[in-house]
Amino acid sequence: MTKELEFRSVTGEALVKELQARVEQMSDPERKYDVQVGLKDVEFRVNEKCAAEMGISLPLRGIDQAEDCLQARILVPTRFVETDGTVHQVIWFDPTPVGYSGFMDCVTHSLALTDRGLFELGRYLATRLAELSKAWHWFIHRRWMKTEEVEELERTGKSPEQIVDLIYAALTGKTRGKQGREGDDKLE
């Protein structure tokens, strides 16, 4: 049985109220991650030994090469800064995709465990029109676990990697194989 679409008109006043509610929601620390949150900066640690073994030199030639280096664990995110200045220290990042979105699946979603919880991050290639240059945009798609929930799992003996693996399996119905773990090491 199909549900019929319902159409209703929206007044300008109702639209403004809805937008105000969204702004309030984003300023509430408990509800902030109910909507996507932009990242203005992502810092990385470079595994120079692995880069040298693979014949990769810095600076990288482009975003495609940066994405390849992320998958190979040559680039490992260590810190995210949200557009409002909120800083996340990355405890564990798994570049293995948990999903794709956007036109032609151009946005890759992966999991990151930070000091603020467990998040699903999106990243995509875009063009900065003012400079006509390519940019690698990252954003927080959603928060899967609050810090307290992560700490509760840690008290049961789960490592950061195991916590990420649990959510990965719940989202994809799969477990990460050896390839998903090669080159991983806990961030210090």
N, C-alpha and C. Protein backbone atom coordinates (compact mmCIF):
# COMPACT_ATOMS: atom_id res chain seq x y z
N MET A 1 0.84 -1.16 0.00
CA MET A 1 0.00 0.00 0.00
C MET A 1 0.90 1.25 0.00
N THR A 2 0.65 2.15 -0.92
CA THR A 2 1.44 3.38 -1.01
C THR A 2 0.73 4.51 -0.31
N LYS A 3 1.52 5.30 0.35
CA LYS A 3 0.98 6.47 1.04
C LYS A 3 0.98 7.63 0.05
N GLU A 4 -0.14 8.34 0.02
CA GLU A 4 -0.23 9.49 -0.88
C GLU A 4 0.58 10.65 -0.33
N LEU A 5 1.14 11.42 -1.25
CA LEU A 5 1.88 12.60 -0.84
C LEU A 5 0.92 13.65 -0.33
N GLU A 6 1.35 14.33 0.71
CA GLU A 6 0.53 15.39 1.28
C GLU A 6 1.19 16.73 0.95
N PHE A 7 0.43 17.64 0.43
CA PHE A 7 0.93 18.97 0.11
C PHE A 7 0.28 19.98 1.03
N ARG A 8 1.10 20.93 1.49
CA ARG A 8 0.55 22.01 2.29
C ARG A 8 1.34 23.27 2.00
N SER A 9 0.68 24.39 2.10
CA SER A 9 1.38 25.65 1.86
C SER A 9 2.10 26.07 3.14
N VAL A 10 3.20 26.76 2.96
CA VAL A 10 3.99 27.23 4.09
C VAL A 10 4.10 28.74 3.95
N THR A 11 3.75 29.41 5.01
CA THR A 11 3.85 30.86 4.98
C THR A 11 5.29 31.28 5.24
N GLY A 12 5.61 32.49 4.86
CA GLY A 12 6.95 33.03 5.13
C GLY A 12 7.24 33.05 6.61
N GLU A 13 6.23 33.37 7.41
CA GLU A 13 6.40 33.41 8.87
C GLU A 13 6.74 32.03 9.42
N ALA A 14 6.05 31.00 8.94
CA ALA A 14 6.32 29.63 9.39
C ALA A 14 7.73 29.19 8.99
N LEU A 15 8.15 29.58 7.79
CA LEU A 15 9.49 29.23 7.32
C LEU A 15 10.56 29.90 8.20
N VAL A 16 10.35 31.16 8.55
CA VAL A 16 11.30 31.88 9.41
C VAL A 16 11.36 31.21 10.78
N LYS A 17 10.21 30.81 11.34
CA LYS A 17 10.20 30.13 12.64
C LYS A 17 10.96 28.81 12.57
N GLU A 18 10.78 28.09 11.48
CA GLU A 18 11.49 26.82 11.32
C GLU A 18 13.00 27.04 11.25
N LEU A 19 13.41 28.05 10.52
CA LEU A 19 14.84 28.37 10.43
C LEU A 19 15.39 28.81 11.79
N GLN A 20 14.64 29.59 12.53
CA GLN A 20 15.07 30.02 13.87
C GLN A 20 15.22 28.81 14.79
N ALA A 21 14.30 27.87 14.68
CA ALA A 21 14.37 26.65 15.50
C ALA A 21 15.62 25.86 15.16
N ARG A 22 15.97 25.81 13.86
CA ARG A 22 17.20 25.10 13.45
C ARG A 22 18.45 25.77 14.03
N VAL A 23 18.47 27.11 14.00
CA VAL A 23 19.62 27.85 14.55
C VAL A 23 19.73 27.59 16.04
N GLU A 24 18.61 27.60 16.76
CA GLU A 24 18.62 27.30 18.19
C GLU A 24 19.09 25.88 18.44
N GLN A 25 18.65 24.96 17.61
CA GLN A 25 19.04 23.56 17.74
C GLN A 25 20.55 23.42 17.59
N MET A 26 21.13 24.13 16.64
CA MET A 26 22.57 24.02 16.41
C MET A 26 23.38 24.65 17.55
N SER A 27 22.79 25.58 18.29
CA SER A 27 23.52 26.18 19.39
C SER A 27 23.35 25.39 20.69
N ASP A 28 22.45 24.41 20.70
CA ASP A 28 22.26 23.54 21.86
C ASP A 28 23.23 22.38 21.74
N PRO A 29 24.20 22.28 22.66
CA PRO A 29 25.22 21.21 22.56
C PRO A 29 24.63 19.81 22.48
N GLU A 30 23.48 19.58 23.09
CA GLU A 30 22.88 18.24 23.06
C GLU A 30 22.18 17.94 21.74
N ARG A 31 21.77 18.96 21.00
CA ARG A 31 21.02 18.74 19.76
C ARG A 31 21.80 19.18 18.53
N LYS A 32 22.95 19.74 18.73
CA LYS A 32 23.74 20.31 17.64
C LYS A 32 23.97 19.31 16.50
N TYR A 33 24.21 18.05 16.82
CA TYR A 33 24.56 17.06 15.80
C TYR A 33 23.34 16.36 15.20
N ASP A 34 22.15 16.90 15.47
CA ASP A 34 20.95 16.38 14.81
C ASP A 34 20.90 16.80 13.35
N VAL A 35 21.69 17.81 12.99
CA VAL A 35 21.80 18.27 11.61
C VAL A 35 23.28 18.23 11.23
N GLN A 36 23.56 18.32 9.95
CA GLN A 36 24.95 18.29 9.52
C GLN A 36 25.70 19.52 10.01
N VAL A 37 26.96 19.30 10.39
CA VAL A 37 27.81 20.36 10.91
C VAL A 37 29.05 20.45 10.04
N GLY A 38 29.36 21.65 9.59
CA GLY A 38 30.52 21.83 8.73
C GLY A 38 31.82 21.82 9.51
N LEU A 39 32.87 21.38 8.85
CA LEU A 39 34.22 21.44 9.42
C LEU A 39 35.02 22.47 8.64
N LYS A 40 35.71 23.35 9.35
CA LYS A 40 36.51 24.34 8.65
C LYS A 40 37.97 23.93 8.57
N ASP A 41 38.36 22.92 9.35
CA ASP A 41 39.75 22.48 9.29
C ASP A 41 39.85 21.02 9.71
N VAL A 42 40.71 20.29 9.03
CA VAL A 42 41.03 18.91 9.38
C VAL A 42 42.56 18.82 9.38
N GLU A 43 43.12 18.37 10.50
CA GLU A 43 44.57 18.22 10.60
C GLU A 43 44.91 16.73 10.48
N PHE A 44 46.06 16.46 9.87
CA PHE A 44 46.47 15.09 9.61
C PHE A 44 47.87 14.82 10.15
N ARG A 45 48.11 13.56 10.49
CA ARG A 45 49.45 13.06 10.75
C ARG A 45 49.84 12.33 9.47
N VAL A 46 51.06 12.48 9.04
CA VAL A 46 51.54 11.83 7.83
C VAL A 46 52.46 10.67 8.22
N ASN A 47 52.15 9.49 7.72
CA ASN A 47 53.00 8.33 7.93
C ASN A 47 54.06 8.37 6.82
N GLU A 48 55.16 9.06 7.11
CA GLU A 48 56.19 9.28 6.08
C GLU A 48 56.87 7.99 5.64
N LYS A 49 57.03 7.04 6.56
CA LYS A 49 57.65 5.77 6.21
C LYS A 49 56.81 5.04 5.16
N CYS A 50 55.52 4.97 5.40
CA CYS A 50 54.59 4.31 4.46
C CYS A 50 54.57 5.06 3.12
N ALA A 51 54.58 6.39 3.18
CA ALA A 51 54.59 7.20 1.95
C ALA A 51 55.84 6.89 1.13
N ALA A 52 56.99 6.82 1.80
CA ALA A 52 58.24 6.54 1.10
C ALA A 52 58.21 5.14 0.48
N GLU A 53 57.69 4.16 1.23
CA GLU A 53 57.60 2.79 0.72
C GLU A 53 56.72 2.71 -0.52
N MET A 54 55.70 3.58 -0.59
CA MET A 54 54.78 3.57 -1.74
C MET A 54 55.22 4.55 -2.83
N GLY A 55 56.35 5.23 -2.61
CA GLY A 55 56.85 6.17 -3.62
C GLY A 55 56.05 7.46 -3.72
N ILE A 56 55.43 7.86 -2.63
CA ILE A 56 54.62 9.08 -2.62
C ILE A 56 55.40 10.19 -1.95
N SER A 57 55.46 11.35 -2.60
CA SER A 57 56.16 12.48 -2.01
C SER A 57 55.17 13.60 -1.72
N LEU A 58 55.54 14.41 -0.74
CA LEU A 58 54.73 15.55 -0.34
C LEU A 58 55.30 16.81 -0.94
N PRO A 59 54.50 17.80 -1.30
CA PRO A 59 53.06 17.82 -1.14
C PRO A 59 52.38 16.91 -2.16
N LEU A 60 51.17 16.51 -1.83
CA LEU A 60 50.41 15.62 -2.70
C LEU A 60 49.98 16.38 -3.95
N ARG A 61 49.84 15.66 -5.05
CA ARG A 61 49.51 16.29 -6.34
C ARG A 61 48.05 16.69 -6.48
N GLY A 62 47.18 16.13 -5.67
CA GLY A 62 45.77 16.48 -5.81
C GLY A 62 44.91 15.77 -4.79
N ILE A 63 43.63 16.04 -4.84
CA ILE A 63 42.70 15.48 -3.86
C ILE A 63 42.50 13.99 -4.08
N ASP A 64 42.55 13.53 -5.33
CA ASP A 64 42.44 12.08 -5.57
C ASP A 64 43.59 11.35 -4.89
N GLN A 65 44.80 11.90 -4.98
CA GLN A 65 45.94 11.28 -4.33
C GLN A 65 45.79 11.37 -2.81
N ALA A 66 45.25 12.48 -2.30
CA ALA A 66 45.02 12.61 -0.86
C ALA A 66 44.02 11.56 -0.39
N GLU A 67 42.97 11.32 -1.17
CA GLU A 67 41.98 10.29 -0.81
C GLU A 67 42.64 8.90 -0.81
N ASP A 68 43.48 8.63 -1.80
CA ASP A 68 44.21 7.36 -1.84
C ASP A 68 45.10 7.22 -0.60
N CYS A 69 45.76 8.30 -0.22
CA CYS A 69 46.64 8.28 0.96
C CYS A 69 45.84 8.10 2.24
N LEU A 70 44.64 8.63 2.29
CA LEU A 70 43.77 8.43 3.44
C LEU A 70 43.41 6.95 3.56
N GLN A 71 43.03 6.34 2.44
CA GLN A 71 42.67 4.92 2.44
C GLN A 71 43.86 4.03 2.81
N ALA A 72 45.07 4.43 2.39
CA ALA A 72 46.27 3.64 2.67
C ALA A 72 46.86 3.95 4.05
N ARG A 73 46.22 4.81 4.81
CA ARG A 73 46.65 5.22 6.15
C ARG A 73 47.97 6.00 6.13
N ILE A 74 48.27 6.62 5.00
CA ILE A 74 49.42 7.53 4.93
C ILE A 74 49.01 8.86 5.57
N LEU A 75 47.78 9.29 5.32
CA LEU A 75 47.20 10.45 5.99
C LEU A 75 46.22 9.93 7.04
N VAL A 76 46.39 10.39 8.28
CA VAL A 76 45.50 9.99 9.36
C VAL A 76 45.00 11.26 10.04
N PRO A 77 43.68 11.51 10.00
CA PRO A 77 43.16 12.71 10.67
C PRO A 77 43.44 12.66 12.17
N THR A 78 43.89 13.79 12.73
CA THR A 78 44.19 13.87 14.15
C THR A 78 43.31 14.88 14.88
N ARG A 79 42.75 15.82 14.12
CA ARG A 79 41.97 16.89 14.75
C ARG A 79 40.99 17.48 13.75
N PHE A 80 39.75 17.72 14.19
CA PHE A 80 38.74 18.40 13.39
C PHE A 80 38.35 19.68 14.09
N VAL A 81 38.11 20.73 13.33
CA VAL A 81 37.61 21.98 13.88
C VAL A 81 36.31 22.31 13.16
N GLU A 82 35.23 22.42 13.93
CA GLU A 82 33.93 22.76 13.35
C GLU A 82 33.89 24.24 12.97
N THR A 83 32.92 24.60 12.15
CA THR A 83 32.80 25.99 11.72
C THR A 83 32.57 26.94 12.89
N ASP A 84 32.02 26.44 14.01
CA ASP A 84 31.82 27.31 15.18
C ASP A 84 33.03 27.32 16.12
N GLY A 85 34.10 26.63 15.72
CA GLY A 85 35.32 26.61 16.53
C GLY A 85 35.44 25.41 17.46
N THR A 86 34.43 24.57 17.57
CA THR A 86 34.50 23.38 18.41
C THR A 86 35.60 22.45 17.86
N VAL A 87 36.48 22.00 18.76
CA VAL A 87 37.62 21.17 18.37
C VAL A 87 37.37 19.72 18.80
N HIS A 88 37.69 18.79 17.91
CA HIS A 88 37.62 17.36 18.19
C HIS A 88 39.03 16.79 18.09
N GLN A 89 39.49 16.11 19.12
CA GLN A 89 40.74 15.36 19.05
C GLN A 89 40.36 13.95 18.59
N VAL A 90 40.93 13.51 17.48
CA VAL A 90 40.57 12.21 16.91
C VAL A 90 41.31 11.11 17.66
N ILE A 91 40.54 10.15 18.13
CA ILE A 91 41.10 8.98 18.83
C ILE A 91 41.31 7.85 17.83
N TRP A 92 40.34 7.66 16.95
CA TRP A 92 40.42 6.58 15.95
C TRP A 92 39.63 7.02 14.72
N PHE A 93 40.21 6.88 13.55
CA PHE A 93 39.52 7.20 12.31
C PHE A 93 39.61 6.00 11.39
N ASP A 94 38.48 5.62 10.82
CA ASP A 94 38.45 4.52 9.88
C ASP A 94 37.93 5.05 8.54
N PRO A 95 38.79 5.14 7.51
CA PRO A 95 38.34 5.67 6.23
C PRO A 95 37.43 4.73 5.44
N THR A 96 37.29 3.48 5.91
CA THR A 96 36.42 2.53 5.21
C THR A 96 35.03 3.13 5.08
N PRO A 97 34.49 3.22 3.88
CA PRO A 97 33.16 3.83 3.71
C PRO A 97 32.06 3.05 4.41
N VAL A 98 31.19 3.78 5.11
CA VAL A 98 29.98 3.19 5.68
C VAL A 98 28.79 3.55 4.80
N GLY A 99 29.02 4.38 3.79
CA GLY A 99 27.96 4.76 2.87
C GLY A 99 28.41 5.88 1.96
N TYR A 100 27.56 6.17 0.99
CA TYR A 100 27.81 7.23 0.03
C TYR A 100 26.54 8.04 -0.10
N SER A 101 26.68 9.29 -0.47
CA SER A 101 25.50 10.12 -0.71
C SER A 101 25.83 11.16 -1.77
N GLY A 102 24.86 11.97 -2.08
CA GLY A 102 25.06 13.02 -3.06
C GLY A 102 24.84 12.52 -4.47
N PHE A 103 24.90 13.45 -5.40
CA PHE A 103 24.73 13.13 -6.81
C PHE A 103 25.82 12.17 -7.25
N MET A 104 25.44 11.05 -7.82
CA MET A 104 26.37 10.03 -8.31
C MET A 104 27.26 9.50 -7.18
N ASP A 105 26.73 9.45 -5.95
CA ASP A 105 27.47 8.93 -4.80
C ASP A 105 28.85 9.60 -4.66
N CYS A 106 28.88 10.92 -4.77
CA CYS A 106 30.16 11.63 -4.74
C CYS A 106 30.65 11.93 -3.33
N VAL A 107 29.82 11.71 -2.30
CA VAL A 107 30.22 11.98 -0.93
C VAL A 107 30.46 10.65 -0.23
N THR A 108 31.65 10.49 0.33
CA THR A 108 32.01 9.27 1.05
C THR A 108 31.80 9.50 2.54
N HIS A 109 31.16 8.56 3.21
CA HIS A 109 30.93 8.64 4.66
C HIS A 109 31.81 7.62 5.36
N SER A 110 32.50 8.05 6.42
CA SER A 110 33.36 7.18 7.22
C SER A 110 33.13 7.48 8.69
N LEU A 111 33.71 6.66 9.57
CA LEU A 111 33.52 6.82 11.01
C LEU A 111 34.76 7.39 11.70
N ALA A 112 34.50 8.27 12.68
CA ALA A 112 35.59 8.85 13.47
C ALA A 112 35.18 8.85 14.94
N LEU A 113 36.05 8.33 15.78
CA LEU A 113 35.86 8.38 17.22
C LEU A 113 36.72 9.53 17.73
N THR A 114 36.07 10.51 18.35
CA THR A 114 36.79 11.68 18.86
C THR A 114 36.52 11.81 20.36
N ASP A 115 37.15 12.80 20.96
CA ASP A 115 36.92 13.05 22.38
C ASP A 115 35.51 13.59 22.64
N ARG A 116 34.72 13.78 21.59
CA ARG A 116 33.34 14.27 21.73
C ARG A 116 32.30 13.23 21.32
N GLY A 117 32.74 12.01 21.02
CA GLY A 117 31.80 10.94 20.66
C GLY A 117 32.21 10.23 19.39
N LEU A 118 31.30 9.40 18.88
CA LEU A 118 31.52 8.66 17.64
C LEU A 118 30.67 9.29 16.55
N PHE A 119 31.31 9.68 15.45
CA PHE A 119 30.65 10.44 14.40
C PHE A 119 30.79 9.77 13.04
N GLU A 120 29.81 10.03 12.20
CA GLU A 120 29.88 9.67 10.79
C GLU A 120 30.26 10.96 10.05
N LEU A 121 31.39 10.92 9.34
CA LEU A 121 31.87 12.10 8.62
C LEU A 121 31.68 11.90 7.13
N GLY A 122 31.37 12.98 6.45
CA GLY A 122 31.29 12.96 5.00
C GLY A 122 32.44 13.79 4.43
N ARG A 123 32.91 13.42 3.25
CA ARG A 123 33.95 14.20 2.58
C ARG A 123 33.71 14.10 1.08
N TYR A 124 34.02 15.20 0.38
CA TYR A 124 33.77 15.24 -1.05
C TYR A 124 34.67 16.27 -1.70
N LEU A 125 34.86 16.10 -2.98
CA LEU A 125 35.63 17.02 -3.81
C LEU A 125 34.69 18.12 -4.29
N ALA A 126 35.12 19.36 -4.13
CA ALA A 126 34.31 20.50 -4.58
C ALA A 126 35.23 21.50 -5.29
N THR A 127 34.63 22.50 -5.88
CA THR A 127 35.39 23.56 -6.53
C THR A 127 35.08 24.88 -5.85
N ARG A 128 36.13 25.59 -5.48
CA ARG A 128 35.97 26.94 -4.94
C ARG A 128 35.86 27.88 -6.13
N LEU A 129 34.70 28.47 -6.29
CA LEU A 129 34.46 29.30 -7.48
C LEU A 129 35.31 30.55 -7.48
N ALA A 130 35.54 31.17 -6.33
CA ALA A 130 36.31 32.41 -6.28
C ALA A 130 37.73 32.21 -6.80
N GLU A 131 38.30 31.04 -6.52
CA GLU A 131 39.68 30.76 -6.92
C GLU A 131 39.78 29.77 -8.07
N LEU A 132 38.64 29.18 -8.42
CA LEU A 132 38.62 28.10 -9.41
C LEU A 132 39.63 27.01 -9.06
N SER A 133 39.64 26.65 -7.78
CA SER A 133 40.53 25.58 -7.33
C SER A 133 39.69 24.48 -6.68
N LYS A 134 40.25 23.29 -6.64
CA LYS A 134 39.56 22.16 -6.03
C LYS A 134 39.80 22.17 -4.53
N ALA A 135 38.81 21.70 -3.78
CA ALA A 135 38.91 21.63 -2.32
C ALA A 135 38.33 20.31 -1.84
N TRP A 136 38.87 19.82 -0.75
CA TRP A 136 38.44 18.57 -0.13
C TRP A 136 37.60 18.95 1.08
N HIS A 137 36.29 18.94 0.94
CA HIS A 137 35.40 19.38 2.02
C HIS A 137 35.01 18.21 2.92
N TRP A 138 35.02 18.48 4.23
CA TRP A 138 34.63 17.49 5.23
C TRP A 138 33.50 18.07 6.07
N PHE A 139 32.60 17.22 6.55
CA PHE A 139 31.53 17.66 7.43
C PHE A 139 31.11 16.50 8.33
N ILE A 140 30.51 16.85 9.46
CA ILE A 140 29.95 15.84 10.36
C ILE A 140 28.53 15.56 9.87
N HIS A 141 28.30 14.33 9.48
CA HIS A 141 26.98 13.95 8.99
C HIS A 141 26.02 13.68 10.16
N ARG A 142 26.51 12.95 11.16
CA ARG A 142 25.68 12.68 12.35
C ARG A 142 26.57 12.14 13.46
N ARG A 143 26.06 12.25 14.68
CA ARG A 143 26.74 11.64 15.83
C ARG A 143 26.03 10.35 16.15
N TRP A 144 26.78 9.25 16.24
CA TRP A 144 26.20 7.95 16.55
C TRP A 144 26.24 7.66 18.04
N MET A 145 27.27 8.15 18.73
CA MET A 145 27.37 7.89 20.17
C MET A 145 27.91 9.14 20.87
N LYS A 146 27.34 9.43 22.02
CA LYS A 146 27.86 10.51 22.86
C LYS A 146 29.10 10.01 23.59
N THR A 147 29.87 10.95 24.12
CA THR A 147 31.09 10.62 24.85
C THR A 147 30.82 9.62 25.97
N GLU A 148 29.72 9.84 26.71
CA GLU A 148 29.40 8.96 27.84
C GLU A 148 29.14 7.53 27.37
N GLU A 149 28.50 7.39 26.22
CA GLU A 149 28.22 6.06 25.68
C GLU A 149 29.50 5.35 25.25
N VAL A 150 30.41 6.12 24.67
CA VAL A 150 31.71 5.56 24.28
C VAL A 150 32.46 5.11 25.54
N GLU A 151 32.46 5.96 26.57
CA GLU A 151 33.16 5.63 27.82
C GLU A 151 32.59 4.37 28.46
N GLU A 152 31.27 4.18 28.36
CA GLU A 152 30.64 2.98 28.91
C GLU A 152 31.15 1.73 28.19
N LEU A 153 31.28 1.80 26.87
CA LEU A 153 31.83 0.65 26.12
C LEU A 153 33.29 0.43 26.47
N GLU A 154 34.04 1.50 26.66
CA GLU A 154 35.46 1.36 27.04
C GLU A 154 35.59 0.66 28.39
N ARG A 155 34.64 0.95 29.31
CA ARG A 155 34.68 0.29 30.63
C ARG A 155 34.45 -1.21 30.52
N THR A 156 33.80 -1.66 29.43
CA THR A 156 33.59 -3.10 29.24
C THR A 156 34.80 -3.75 28.58
N GLY A 157 35.85 -2.95 28.33
CA GLY A 157 37.07 -3.50 27.75
C GLY A 157 37.20 -3.32 26.25
N LYS A 158 36.27 -2.61 25.63
CA LYS A 158 36.33 -2.39 24.17
C LYS A 158 37.39 -1.33 23.86
N SER A 159 38.21 -1.59 22.84
CA SER A 159 39.20 -0.62 22.37
C SER A 159 38.51 0.37 21.43
N PRO A 160 39.14 1.51 21.16
CA PRO A 160 38.55 2.45 20.19
C PRO A 160 38.25 1.78 18.85
N GLU A 161 39.16 0.95 18.37
CA GLU A 161 38.93 0.26 17.10
C GLU A 161 37.72 -0.67 17.17
N GLN A 162 37.57 -1.39 18.28
CA GLN A 162 36.43 -2.29 18.43
C GLN A 162 35.11 -1.53 18.48
N ILE A 163 35.12 -0.36 19.10
CA ILE A 163 33.91 0.46 19.17
C ILE A 163 33.50 0.90 17.76
N VAL A 164 34.48 1.36 16.97
CA VAL A 164 34.20 1.76 15.59
C VAL A 164 33.72 0.55 14.79
N ASP A 165 34.34 -0.61 15.00
CA ASP A 165 33.92 -1.83 14.30
C ASP A 165 32.47 -2.20 14.60
N LEU A 166 32.04 -2.01 15.86
CA LEU A 166 30.65 -2.31 16.23
C LEU A 166 29.67 -1.46 15.43
N ILE A 167 29.94 -0.17 15.33
CA ILE A 167 29.05 0.72 14.59
C ILE A 167 29.14 0.43 13.10
N TYR A 168 30.35 0.16 12.60
CA TYR A 168 30.51 -0.19 11.18
C TYR A 168 29.63 -1.40 10.84
N ALA A 169 29.70 -2.43 11.68
CA ALA A 169 28.90 -3.65 11.43
C ALA A 169 27.40 -3.36 11.50
N ALA A 170 27.00 -2.50 12.45
CA ALA A 170 25.58 -2.17 12.57
C ALA A 170 25.08 -1.39 11.35
N LEU A 171 25.93 -0.51 10.81
CA LEU A 171 25.52 0.31 9.66
C LEU A 171 25.54 -0.45 8.34
N THR A 172 26.52 -1.32 8.17
CA THR A 172 26.72 -1.96 6.87
C THR A 172 26.29 -3.42 6.83
N GLY A 173 26.14 -4.04 7.99
CA GLY A 173 25.84 -5.46 8.02
C GLY A 173 27.07 -6.31 7.71
N LYS A 174 28.24 -5.67 7.68
CA LYS A 174 29.50 -6.37 7.37
C LYS A 174 30.51 -6.12 8.47
N THR A 175 31.52 -6.96 8.51
CA THR A 175 32.65 -6.70 9.40
C THR A 175 33.84 -6.30 8.54
N ARG A 176 34.66 -5.44 9.09
CA ARG A 176 35.85 -5.04 8.34
C ARG A 176 36.83 -6.19 8.33
N GLY A 177 37.43 -6.44 7.18
CA GLY A 177 38.41 -7.49 7.06
C GLY A 177 39.79 -6.99 7.40
N LYS A 178 40.76 -7.83 7.18
CA LYS A 178 42.15 -7.48 7.47
C LYS A 178 42.55 -6.22 6.71
N GLN A 179 42.10 -6.06 5.48
CA GLN A 179 42.46 -4.90 4.68
C GLN A 179 42.03 -3.61 5.36
N GLY A 180 40.88 -3.62 6.04
CA GLY A 180 40.40 -2.44 6.73
C GLY A 180 41.23 -2.05 7.92
N ARG A 181 42.09 -2.95 8.37
CA ARG A 181 42.89 -2.68 9.56
C ARG A 181 44.38 -2.47 9.25
N GLU A 182 44.81 -2.87 8.08
CA GLU A 182 46.24 -2.75 7.76
C GLU A 182 46.71 -1.31 7.87
N GLY A 183 47.85 -1.11 8.51
CA GLY A 183 48.43 0.21 8.61
C GLY A 183 47.81 1.06 9.70
N ASP A 184 46.75 0.57 10.36
CA ASP A 184 46.14 1.34 11.45
C ASP A 184 47.06 1.32 12.66
N ASP A 185 47.06 2.41 13.35
CA ASP A 185 47.68 2.44 14.65
C ASP A 185 46.94 3.49 15.47
N LYS A 186 46.92 3.28 16.77
CA LYS A 186 46.18 4.21 17.63
C LYS A 186 46.88 5.55 17.61
N LEU A 187 46.10 6.61 17.51
CA LEU A 187 46.65 7.96 17.52
C LEU A 187 47.05 8.33 18.93
N GLU A 188 48.15 9.02 19.03
CA GLU A 188 48.61 9.44 20.36
C GLU A 188 48.40 10.91 20.53
